[in-house]
Amino acid sequence: MKLAYVSASQVENYRKCPRYWYGRSVLKMPEPPRPAAEKGLKIHAAAEEYLKTGKLTEDGEIRPIVEQGLVNLPEPGDDLDVELKFEMATWEEGPIWTGYIDLIDSRSAPVRIIDHKTISDFRYCKTPEELLSSTQMMAYARWYFSVEDAAEVEVMHLYLRTKQPYKAHKVSALAPH
């Protein structure tokens, strides 16, 4: 068996449980829908819409959750890379590493790579040190360094709490090239 593509979530799933990874990535077994995951997808979509259009049309519970994070996001604009798909080689004849970066803010110095995370309790937030050892965030930084000449990038998780009171919390770290 040869995988054509690999992603950070696949690597993390394999590290946690090879059997779970095999079921999801090789056998393509669907995961039952989880309310928290469905809510997270709606929050991501609303944040993405805001960054692309400057509008937040989502009503109900989603809107106030996203609004809490807006102070940590750049002003919307065409010069932002939102939900950017990337691919990069792993090794010769190896699978292609693929992923979607929620936001690249090239207006900031250094460039900021942001991933939106939904969370029920901030005690589960990663630390800056954990961000620098995160498979996902380091893959994003590695890809960025492969297409841009930069000495460093800031990697950031923007946590949006899904329980009241709704709040946002950011964690960031500088990733050197």
Protein backbone atom coordinates (compact mmCIF):
# COMPACT_ATOMS: atom_id res chain seq x y z
CA MET A 1 0.00 0.00 0.00
CA LYS A 2 1.29 3.45 -0.90
CA LEU A 3 -0.33 6.66 0.31
CA ALA A 4 -0.63 9.43 -2.25
CA TYR A 5 -1.25 12.15 0.34
CA VAL A 6 -0.55 12.70 4.01
CA SER A 7 -1.62 15.49 6.37
CA ALA A 8 -0.87 16.72 9.87
CA SER A 9 -4.11 15.21 11.18
CA GLN A 10 -3.16 11.82 9.72
CA VAL A 11 0.25 11.96 11.41
CA GLU A 12 -1.32 12.98 14.73
CA ASN A 13 -3.95 10.23 14.42
CA TYR A 14 -1.26 7.65 13.75
CA ARG A 15 0.75 8.80 16.76
CA LYS A 16 -2.31 8.48 19.01
CA CYS A 17 -3.56 5.16 17.65
CA PRO A 18 -2.34 3.36 14.49
CA ARG A 19 -5.58 1.34 14.32
CA TYR A 20 -7.71 4.51 14.37
CA TRP A 21 -5.46 6.04 11.66
CA TYR A 22 -5.80 2.90 9.53
CA GLY A 23 -9.59 2.96 9.76
CA ARG A 24 -9.88 6.65 8.93
CA SER A 25 -7.05 7.11 6.40
CA VAL A 26 -6.79 3.77 4.64
CA LEU A 27 -10.23 2.17 4.97
CA LYS A 28 -11.93 5.61 4.79
CA MET A 29 -14.34 4.69 7.57
CA PRO A 30 -16.58 7.67 8.36
CA GLU A 31 -16.60 9.11 11.84
CA PRO A 32 -20.01 9.64 13.44
CA PRO A 33 -21.00 13.31 13.54
CA ARG A 34 -20.15 15.06 16.80
CA PRO A 35 -22.02 18.22 17.80
CA ALA A 36 -18.81 19.96 18.94
CA ALA A 37 -17.12 19.25 15.59
CA GLU A 38 -20.14 20.50 13.64
CA LYS A 39 -20.18 23.69 15.73
CA GLY A 40 -16.45 24.13 15.10
CA LEU A 41 -17.00 23.89 11.34
CA LYS A 42 -19.65 26.62 11.51
CA ILE A 43 -17.34 28.86 13.55
CA HIS A 44 -14.49 28.32 11.05
CA ALA A 45 -16.82 29.13 8.15
CA ALA A 46 -18.02 32.34 9.83
CA ALA A 47 -14.44 33.48 10.57
CA GLU A 48 -13.44 32.70 6.98
CA GLU A 49 -16.42 34.66 5.62
CA TYR A 50 -15.49 37.64 7.79
CA LEU A 51 -11.86 37.61 6.64
CA LYS A 52 -12.88 37.40 2.98
CA THR A 53 -15.83 39.83 2.95
CA GLY A 54 -15.65 41.92 6.11
CA LYS A 55 -19.13 40.68 7.00
CA LEU A 56 -20.29 38.33 9.69
CA THR A 57 -23.70 37.06 8.55
CA GLU A 58 -23.90 34.03 10.84
CA ASP A 59 -26.57 34.55 13.47
CA GLY A 60 -27.43 32.70 16.62
CA GLU A 61 -24.79 31.32 18.96
CA ILE A 62 -21.99 31.31 16.35
CA ARG A 63 -21.85 35.07 15.85
CA PRO A 64 -20.89 36.11 19.42
CA ILE A 65 -18.25 33.37 19.56
CA VAL A 66 -16.55 34.64 16.39
CA GLU A 67 -16.96 38.29 17.40
CA GLN A 68 -14.78 37.68 20.46
CA GLY A 69 -11.87 36.71 18.22
CA LEU A 70 -12.07 39.58 15.75
CA VAL A 71 -9.77 41.82 17.80
CA ASN A 72 -7.02 39.23 17.21
CA LEU A 73 -7.51 39.11 13.45
CA PRO A 74 -6.34 41.53 10.75
CA GLU A 75 -8.76 43.75 8.88
CA PRO A 76 -10.38 41.80 6.03
CA GLY A 77 -8.90 42.25 2.58
CA ASP A 78 -7.96 40.66 -0.72
CA ASP A 79 -4.30 40.54 0.33
CA LEU A 80 -4.97 37.93 3.04
CA ASP A 81 -4.55 34.24 2.28
CA VAL A 82 -7.65 32.63 3.78
CA GLU A 83 -8.17 28.85 3.84
CA LEU A 84 -5.11 28.38 1.65
CA LYS A 85 -4.56 24.86 0.35
CA PHE A 86 -0.93 23.84 0.11
CA GLU A 87 1.01 20.79 -1.00
CA MET A 88 4.67 19.91 -0.58
CA ALA A 89 6.88 16.94 -1.17
CA THR A 90 7.83 14.70 1.74
CA TRP A 91 10.63 12.60 0.23
CA GLU A 92 11.41 11.19 -3.19
CA GLU A 93 8.46 9.03 -4.25
CA GLY A 94 6.85 9.70 -0.87
CA PRO A 95 3.32 10.97 -0.36
CA ILE A 96 2.48 14.62 -0.94
CA TRP A 97 1.97 16.55 2.31
CA THR A 98 -1.27 18.52 2.04
CA GLY A 99 -3.16 20.89 4.27
CA TYR A 100 -5.29 24.00 4.58
CA ILE A 101 -3.97 27.05 6.40
CA ASP A 102 -6.78 29.09 7.99
CA LEU A 103 -5.00 32.43 7.56
CA ILE A 104 -1.68 33.88 6.44
CA ASP A 105 -1.34 37.53 7.39
CA SER A 106 1.55 38.86 5.32
CA ARG A 107 0.81 42.40 6.51
CA SER A 108 2.36 41.63 9.88
CA ALA A 109 6.09 41.49 10.48
CA PRO A 110 7.01 38.74 10.74
CA VAL A 111 4.34 37.04 8.66
CA ARG A 112 1.72 35.42 10.88
CA ILE A 113 0.24 31.97 10.21
CA ILE A 114 -3.00 31.63 12.17
CA ASP A 115 -5.08 28.55 12.88
CA HIS A 116 -8.54 28.99 14.42
CA LYS A 117 -9.32 26.55 17.21
CA THR A 118 -12.58 26.02 19.02
CA ILE A 119 -12.28 25.03 22.65
CA SER A 120 -14.57 24.65 25.64
CA ASP A 121 -11.95 25.52 28.27
CA PHE A 122 -8.77 27.56 27.88
CA ARG A 123 -6.83 25.21 30.14
CA TYR A 124 -6.52 22.95 27.06
CA CYS A 125 -4.72 25.61 24.99
CA LYS A 126 -1.28 24.76 23.73
CA THR A 127 1.69 26.67 25.08
CA PRO A 128 4.07 28.54 22.77
CA GLU A 129 6.53 25.65 23.20
CA GLU A 130 3.85 23.15 22.19
CA LEU A 131 3.06 25.21 19.08
CA LEU A 132 6.71 24.90 18.06
CA SER A 133 6.47 21.11 18.31
CA SER A 134 3.03 20.88 16.70
CA THR A 135 3.05 18.74 13.55
CA GLN A 136 0.40 20.97 11.99
CA MET A 137 1.97 24.35 12.72
CA MET A 138 5.50 23.25 11.85
CA ALA A 139 4.25 21.82 8.54
CA TYR A 140 2.65 25.19 7.82
CA ALA A 141 5.91 27.00 8.65
CA ARG A 142 7.98 24.55 6.60
CA TRP A 143 5.74 25.03 3.58
CA TYR A 144 5.87 28.81 3.97
CA PHE A 145 9.68 28.76 4.12
CA SER A 146 9.69 26.64 0.95
CA VAL A 147 7.83 29.33 -1.04
CA GLU A 148 9.00 32.55 0.64
CA ASP A 149 12.41 33.83 1.70
CA ALA A 150 11.88 34.60 5.39
CA ALA A 151 14.02 34.29 8.50
CA GLU A 152 11.03 33.45 10.73
CA VAL A 153 7.25 33.31 10.88
CA GLU A 154 4.90 33.71 13.79
CA VAL A 155 2.64 30.68 14.26
CA MET A 156 -0.53 31.32 16.21
CA HIS A 157 -3.57 29.51 17.50
CA LEU A 158 -6.60 31.72 17.99
CA TYR A 159 -8.77 29.89 20.49
CA LEU A 160 -12.49 30.67 20.47
CA ARG A 161 -14.28 29.44 23.58
CA THR A 162 -17.57 27.77 22.73
CA LYS A 163 -19.02 27.99 26.26
CA GLN A 164 -20.30 31.16 27.88
CA PRO A 165 -18.92 33.59 28.62
CA TYR A 166 -17.56 33.58 25.08
CA LYS A 167 -13.97 34.75 24.91
CA ALA A 168 -10.93 34.46 22.69
CA HIS A 169 -7.34 33.70 23.60
CA LYS A 170 -4.29 33.67 21.37
CA VAL A 171 -1.09 31.70 21.74
CA SER A 172 1.83 32.39 19.44
CA ALA A 173 5.48 31.63 18.95
CA LEU A 174 8.23 32.58 16.50
CA ALA A 175 9.31 29.72 14.27
CA PRO A 176 12.82 30.25 12.87
CA HIS A 177 13.69 29.14 9.36
